[in-house]
Amino acid sequence: MSQISFGTDGWRAIVGEDFTPENIERVIQAFCDLYPKLAKTGKHIVIGYD
């Protein structure tokens, strides 16, 4: 399983190589695990796409 890296421009990956359904699931799960802690801080989360 490869490491997923986020930079200042987000998660950049090649579809079918690093951008796979399995890795998308990992990112979503990580967000779901972290969100309850972040929600208590009052900080905002930005999710975008292009």
C-alpha atoms as a PDB file:
ATOM      1  CA  MET A   1       0.000   0.000   0.000  1.00  0.00           C
ATOM      2  CA  SER A   2       1.530   3.301  -1.081  1.00  0.00           C
ATOM      3  CA  GLN A   3       1.732   6.428   1.034  1.00  0.00           C
ATOM      4  CA  ILE A   4      -0.680   9.222   0.117  1.00  0.00           C
ATOM      5  CA  SER A   5       0.920  12.668   0.193  1.00  0.00           C
ATOM      6  CA  PHE A   6      -0.840  16.009   0.349  1.00  0.00           C
ATOM      7  CA  GLY A   7       0.954  19.195  -0.600  1.00  0.00           C
ATOM      8  CA  THR A   8      -0.120  22.811  -0.768  1.00  0.00           C
ATOM      9  CA  ASP A   9      -1.998  21.918  -3.946  1.00  0.00           C
ATOM     10  CA  GLY A  10      -3.758  18.919  -2.406  1.00  0.00           C
ATOM     11  CA  TRP A  11      -3.484  15.267  -3.406  1.00  0.00           C
ATOM     12  CA  ARG A  12      -1.980  14.979  -6.849  1.00  0.00           C
ATOM     13  CA  ALA A  13      -1.979  11.503  -8.340  1.00  0.00           C
ATOM     14  CA  ILE A  14      -2.336   9.594 -11.584  1.00  0.00           C
ATOM     15  CA  VAL A  15      -5.724   7.938 -12.047  1.00  0.00           C
ATOM     16  CA  GLY A  16      -5.340   4.178 -11.841  1.00  0.00           C
ATOM     17  CA  GLU A  17      -1.892   4.315 -10.245  1.00  0.00           C
ATOM     18  CA  ASP A  18      -2.127   6.209  -6.962  1.00  0.00           C
ATOM     19  CA  PHE A  19      -5.633   7.619  -7.438  1.00  0.00           C
ATOM     20  CA  THR A  20      -7.560   4.369  -6.980  1.00  0.00           C
ATOM     21  CA  PRO A  21     -10.848   3.439  -5.302  1.00  0.00           C
ATOM     22  CA  GLU A  22      -8.863   1.911  -2.434  1.00  0.00           C
ATOM     23  CA  ASN A  23      -6.854   5.087  -1.847  1.00  0.00           C
ATOM     24  CA  ILE A  24      -9.961   7.251  -2.136  1.00  0.00           C
ATOM     25  CA  GLU A  25     -11.514   5.089   0.583  1.00  0.00           C
ATOM     26  CA  ARG A  26      -8.417   5.583   2.750  1.00  0.00           C
ATOM     27  CA  VAL A  27      -8.609   9.373   2.373  1.00  0.00           C
ATOM     28  CA  ILE A  28     -12.329   9.444   3.164  1.00  0.00           C
ATOM     29  CA  GLN A  29     -11.840   7.232   6.223  1.00  0.00           C
ATOM     30  CA  ALA A  30      -8.995   9.427   7.476  1.00  0.00           C
ATOM     31  CA  PHE A  31     -11.209  12.501   7.095  1.00  0.00           C
ATOM     32  CA  CYS A  32     -14.090  10.795   8.923  1.00  0.00           C
ATOM     33  CA  ASP A  33     -11.750   9.811  11.757  1.00  0.00           C
ATOM     34  CA  LEU A  34     -10.321  13.332  12.078  1.00  0.00           C
ATOM     35  CA  TYR A  35     -13.447  15.445  11.538  1.00  0.00           C
ATOM     36  CA  PRO A  36     -15.023  15.047  15.016  1.00  0.00           C
ATOM     37  CA  LYS A  37     -11.817  16.376  16.593  1.00  0.00           C
ATOM     38  CA  LEU A  38     -11.585  19.289  14.148  1.00  0.00           C
ATOM     39  CA  ALA A  39     -15.255  20.205  14.531  1.00  0.00           C
ATOM     40  CA  LYS A  40     -14.689  20.921  18.215  1.00  0.00           C
ATOM     41  CA  THR A  41     -11.970  23.481  17.400  1.00  0.00           C
ATOM     42  CA  GLY A  42     -14.207  25.697  15.266  1.00  0.00           C
ATOM     43  CA  LYS A  43     -11.693  25.572  12.403  1.00  0.00           C
ATOM     44  CA  HIS A  44     -12.945  25.339   8.846  1.00  0.00           C
ATOM     45  CA  ILE A  45     -12.306  22.617   6.293  1.00  0.00           C
ATOM     46  CA  VAL A  46     -12.123  23.321   2.570  1.00  0.00           C
ATOM     47  CA  ILE A  47     -12.728  20.581   0.021  1.00  0.00           C
ATOM     48  CA  GLY A  48     -12.417  21.416  -3.653  1.00  0.00           C
ATOM     49  CA  TYR A  49     -12.028  19.764  -6.998  1.00  0.00           C
ATOM     50  CA  ASP A  50     -11.164  20.667 -10.548  1.00  0.00           C
END
